[in-house]
Amino acid sequence: MMRTPFRHVAGHLVWAPSGAVWAVWRVEPLAGGYLPAQVRQELLGRVTSLVRLASFM
């Protein structure tokens, strides 16, 4: 018998059978190769901050 990888989905939250809760987001891609270097660096900083914040949760 195959076990389902999640127990419940509500909005962007997914509960695993272990009790862990995951959040799911959709991120729209940008054509980074065509952006000015300063804008690319700002976006990189924002994404880096998001990933670091999510790892604490």
Protein backbone atom coordinates (compact mmCIF):
# COMPACT_ATOMS: atom_id res chain seq x y z
CA MET A 1 0.00 0.00 0.00
CA MET A 2 1.36 3.41 -0.95
CA ARG A 3 1.38 6.16 1.69
CA THR A 4 0.44 9.68 0.68
CA PRO A 5 3.24 12.22 1.11
CA PHE A 6 0.91 14.70 2.84
CA ARG A 7 -2.05 14.70 5.18
CA HIS A 8 -3.75 18.01 4.53
CA VAL A 9 -3.47 21.03 2.23
CA ALA A 10 -4.87 24.45 3.17
CA GLY A 11 -3.98 27.36 0.94
CA HIS A 12 -0.20 27.36 0.62
CA LEU A 13 0.37 25.14 3.69
CA VAL A 14 0.94 21.37 3.44
CA TRP A 15 0.95 19.04 6.47
CA ALA A 16 3.10 15.91 6.33
CA PRO A 17 2.16 12.69 8.17
CA SER A 18 5.04 13.41 10.59
CA GLY A 19 3.35 16.67 11.65
CA ALA A 20 5.79 18.92 9.80
CA VAL A 21 4.23 21.84 7.94
CA TRP A 22 5.57 23.11 4.63
CA ALA A 23 4.70 26.32 2.80
CA VAL A 24 4.54 26.40 -0.99
CA TRP A 25 4.98 29.49 -3.19
CA ARG A 26 5.01 30.10 -6.90
CA VAL A 27 7.79 32.40 -8.03
CA GLU A 28 7.63 34.01 -11.45
CA PRO A 29 11.00 33.95 -13.25
CA LEU A 30 12.72 37.09 -14.51
CA ALA A 31 15.08 37.38 -17.44
CA GLY A 32 18.11 38.12 -15.21
CA GLY A 33 20.57 38.24 -18.08
CA TYR A 34 18.87 41.36 -19.42
CA LEU A 35 18.62 43.28 -16.16
CA PRO A 36 21.14 45.91 -15.06
CA ALA A 37 23.77 44.54 -12.65
CA GLN A 38 22.45 46.63 -9.73
CA VAL A 39 18.92 45.27 -10.18
CA ARG A 40 20.25 41.67 -10.41
CA GLN A 41 22.20 42.16 -7.17
CA GLU A 42 19.11 43.53 -5.42
CA LEU A 43 17.01 40.56 -6.56
CA LEU A 44 19.72 38.13 -5.50
CA GLY A 45 19.80 39.75 -2.06
CA ARG A 46 16.01 39.50 -1.72
CA VAL A 47 15.94 35.82 -2.72
CA THR A 48 18.88 35.04 -0.43
CA SER A 49 17.08 36.70 2.49
CA LEU A 50 13.91 34.72 1.77
CA VAL A 51 15.77 31.41 1.71
CA ARG A 52 17.63 32.22 4.94
CA LEU A 53 14.40 33.25 6.65
CA ALA A 54 12.60 30.09 5.50
CA SER A 55 15.38 27.87 6.88
CA PHE A 56 14.68 29.18 10.42
CA MET A 57 11.02 28.20 10.29
